[in-house]
Amino acid sequence: MKIAIIGHSGSGKSTLAEFLGQHYHCEVVHLDQLHFSSNWQERSDHDMIADLSTCLLKQDWIIEGNYANCLYEKRMREADYIIYVNFSRCHCLYRAFKRYLNYRGKTRPDMADNCQEKFDVAFVKWILLDGRSRNQLKKYQSVVQKYPHKTIVLTNQKQLSHYMNTIN
């Protein structure tokens, strides 16, 4: 089983990926872990792509994250299912703040070592504006149009909960 999970920051991609990983007994790859090294240092695209290429060779994987510069089309093409978590800006902001309160001063399990959780102006701007640019939205829409037979779009918590319950 190969599942690609895409969507906005704070939408619950990592949580969903972990749930599916446990359910299907499948390795979960968090692209943020490949993108960052210790203390929020960005890794090169070359290194990130090399690591992800190894993951894509496996028979089963769950990959969560966007990173259009990192084998995006290949991930979408090879996935058996694509889950697009398309929650509202306010809901994503709320979830990100809740996550911050939960992990403040700590590193989340889905992040690289020593990347302590932060909730700053730049991240809020990313959630509300920059991460929802026309270009980014076009990428999501393109995936939905190109792969309608294998794309699941979840737009709210009720749909996400229902989806998770149907898996169990």
Protein backbone atom coordinates (compact mmCIF):
# COMPACT_ATOMS: atom_id res chain seq x y z
CA MET A 1 0.00 0.00 0.00
CA LYS A 2 1.36 3.40 -0.99
CA ILE A 3 -0.35 6.49 0.37
CA ALA A 4 0.57 10.14 -0.21
CA ILE A 5 -0.91 12.66 2.22
CA ILE A 6 -0.87 16.29 1.15
CA GLY A 7 -2.50 19.42 2.53
CA HIS A 8 -2.08 22.58 4.49
CA SER A 9 0.15 23.07 7.53
CA GLY A 10 -1.74 22.29 10.72
CA SER A 11 -4.39 20.21 8.95
CA GLY A 12 -3.46 16.93 10.64
CA LYS A 13 -1.38 15.23 7.93
CA SER A 14 1.16 13.82 10.39
CA THR A 15 -1.48 12.53 12.78
CA LEU A 16 -3.35 10.85 9.93
CA ALA A 17 -0.11 9.37 8.57
CA GLU A 18 0.77 7.86 11.96
CA PHE A 19 -2.74 6.43 12.30
CA LEU A 20 -2.57 4.84 8.84
CA GLY A 21 0.97 3.61 9.46
CA GLN A 22 -0.14 1.75 12.58
CA HIS A 23 -3.25 0.42 10.89
CA TYR A 24 -1.47 -0.88 7.78
CA HIS A 25 1.82 -1.73 9.58
CA CYS A 26 3.60 0.48 7.12
CA GLU A 27 6.57 2.85 7.36
CA VAL A 28 5.64 6.53 7.60
CA VAL A 29 7.87 9.15 6.03
CA HIS A 30 7.42 12.72 7.26
CA LEU A 31 8.89 15.05 4.66
CA ASP A 32 9.63 17.66 7.34
CA GLN A 33 12.09 15.14 8.83
CA LEU A 34 13.84 14.91 5.47
CA HIS A 35 13.75 18.67 4.85
CA PHE A 36 15.21 19.76 8.19
CA SER A 37 18.22 18.61 10.13
CA SER A 38 18.92 19.53 13.75
CA ASN A 39 17.83 22.99 14.95
CA TRP A 40 15.69 23.78 11.89
CA GLN A 41 18.63 23.72 9.47
CA GLU A 42 17.33 23.13 5.96
CA ARG A 43 18.91 20.25 4.07
CA SER A 44 19.72 20.50 0.40
CA ASP A 45 17.10 19.43 -2.14
CA HIS A 46 19.66 16.93 -3.44
CA ASP A 47 19.98 15.20 -0.05
CA MET A 48 16.25 15.26 0.54
CA ILE A 49 15.52 13.76 -2.90
CA ALA A 50 18.17 11.07 -2.40
CA ASP A 51 16.60 10.00 0.91
CA LEU A 52 13.08 10.08 -0.50
CA SER A 53 14.12 8.11 -3.60
CA THR A 54 15.18 5.26 -1.32
CA CYS A 55 11.80 5.34 0.41
CA LEU A 56 9.93 5.30 -2.90
CA LEU A 57 11.64 2.04 -3.88
CA LYS A 58 9.88 0.19 -1.07
CA GLN A 59 6.75 -1.84 -1.71
CA ASP A 60 4.73 0.01 0.95
CA TRP A 61 4.96 3.57 2.20
CA ILE A 62 2.99 6.43 3.63
CA ILE A 63 4.51 9.80 2.82
CA GLU A 64 3.08 12.96 4.32
CA GLY A 65 3.98 16.45 3.25
CA ASN A 66 3.98 18.66 0.20
CA TYR A 67 7.44 19.83 -0.96
CA ALA A 68 6.74 20.28 -4.67
CA ASN A 69 10.48 20.28 -5.37
CA CYS A 70 10.86 16.78 -3.94
CA LEU A 71 9.57 14.14 -6.38
CA TYR A 72 6.03 15.48 -6.00
CA GLU A 73 4.65 14.16 -9.29
CA LYS A 74 6.37 10.81 -8.84
CA ARG A 75 4.84 10.43 -5.37
CA MET A 76 1.37 11.25 -6.69
CA ARG A 77 1.74 8.92 -9.67
CA GLU A 78 3.03 5.97 -7.63
CA ALA A 79 0.61 6.33 -4.72
CA ASP A 80 -2.28 3.88 -4.54
CA TYR A 81 -4.20 6.58 -2.68
CA ILE A 82 -3.73 10.32 -2.29
CA ILE A 83 -5.34 12.00 0.69
CA TYR A 84 -5.70 15.77 0.44
CA VAL A 85 -6.44 17.31 3.84
CA ASN A 86 -8.05 20.62 2.87
CA PHE A 87 -9.14 22.21 6.14
CA SER A 88 -9.98 25.90 6.49
CA ARG A 89 -7.34 28.46 7.42
CA CYS A 90 -8.92 29.04 10.83
CA HIS A 91 -9.08 25.33 11.60
CA CYS A 92 -5.44 24.83 10.60
CA LEU A 93 -4.36 27.82 12.68
CA TYR A 94 -6.30 26.48 15.67
CA ARG A 95 -4.76 23.01 15.28
CA ALA A 96 -1.25 24.42 14.89
CA PHE A 97 -1.64 26.53 18.03
CA LYS A 98 -3.00 23.55 19.95
CA ARG A 99 -0.03 21.50 18.74
CA TYR A 100 2.31 24.28 19.87
CA LEU A 101 0.81 24.24 23.36
CA ASN A 102 1.21 20.47 23.48
CA TYR A 103 4.83 20.43 22.26
CA ARG A 104 6.14 23.81 23.42
CA GLY A 105 9.86 23.48 24.17
CA LYS A 106 9.91 19.94 22.75
CA THR A 107 10.45 18.29 19.40
CA ARG A 108 7.47 16.54 17.83
CA PRO A 109 7.96 12.89 16.89
CA ASP A 110 7.43 13.76 13.21
CA MET A 111 10.21 16.38 13.14
CA ALA A 112 13.99 16.20 12.93
CA ASP A 113 16.00 16.15 16.16
CA ASN A 114 16.22 19.39 18.14
CA CYS A 115 13.55 21.16 16.07
CA GLN A 116 11.57 22.52 18.98
CA GLU A 117 7.96 23.35 18.21
CA LYS A 118 7.44 26.99 17.33
CA PHE A 119 4.51 29.23 16.66
CA ASP A 120 5.79 32.54 15.38
CA VAL A 121 4.60 35.27 13.01
CA ALA A 122 6.27 33.63 10.01
CA PHE A 123 4.47 30.33 10.68
CA VAL A 124 1.11 32.02 11.20
CA LYS A 125 1.64 33.89 7.92
CA TRP A 126 2.48 30.58 6.23
CA ILE A 127 -0.70 28.92 7.53
CA LEU A 128 -2.98 31.83 6.65
CA LEU A 129 -1.43 33.19 3.45
CA ASP A 130 1.79 31.89 1.94
CA GLY A 131 0.95 28.20 2.19
CA ARG A 132 -2.29 28.86 0.33
CA SER A 133 -0.88 30.75 -2.61
CA ARG A 134 -2.56 30.42 -6.00
CA ASN A 135 0.35 28.31 -7.13
CA GLN A 136 -0.01 25.90 -4.21
CA LEU A 137 -3.77 25.66 -4.61
CA LYS A 138 -3.31 24.92 -8.32
CA LYS A 139 -1.01 22.03 -7.41
CA TYR A 140 -3.64 20.55 -5.12
CA GLN A 141 -6.39 21.05 -7.72
CA SER A 142 -4.21 19.48 -10.38
CA VAL A 143 -3.73 16.34 -8.27
CA VAL A 144 -7.49 16.06 -7.67
CA GLN A 145 -8.20 16.48 -11.40
CA LYS A 146 -5.41 14.20 -12.61
CA TYR A 147 -6.02 11.37 -10.12
CA PRO A 148 -9.74 11.53 -9.22
CA HIS A 149 -10.00 7.73 -8.98
CA LYS A 150 -7.50 7.54 -6.13
CA THR A 151 -7.79 10.92 -4.40
CA ILE A 152 -9.71 11.42 -1.17
CA VAL A 153 -10.40 15.03 -0.19
CA LEU A 154 -11.14 15.71 3.48
CA THR A 155 -12.38 19.23 4.24
CA ASN A 156 -13.27 19.09 7.93
CA GLN A 157 -12.78 17.16 11.15
CA LYS A 158 -16.05 15.28 10.76
CA GLN A 159 -14.93 13.87 7.41
CA LEU A 160 -11.49 13.03 8.78
CA SER A 161 -12.97 11.23 11.80
CA HIS A 162 -15.42 9.35 9.57
CA TYR A 163 -12.60 8.29 7.26
CA MET A 164 -10.50 7.06 10.19
CA ASN A 165 -13.48 5.17 11.63
CA THR A 166 -14.18 3.44 8.30
CA ILE A 167 -10.56 2.26 8.18
CA ASN A 168 -10.98 0.59 11.58
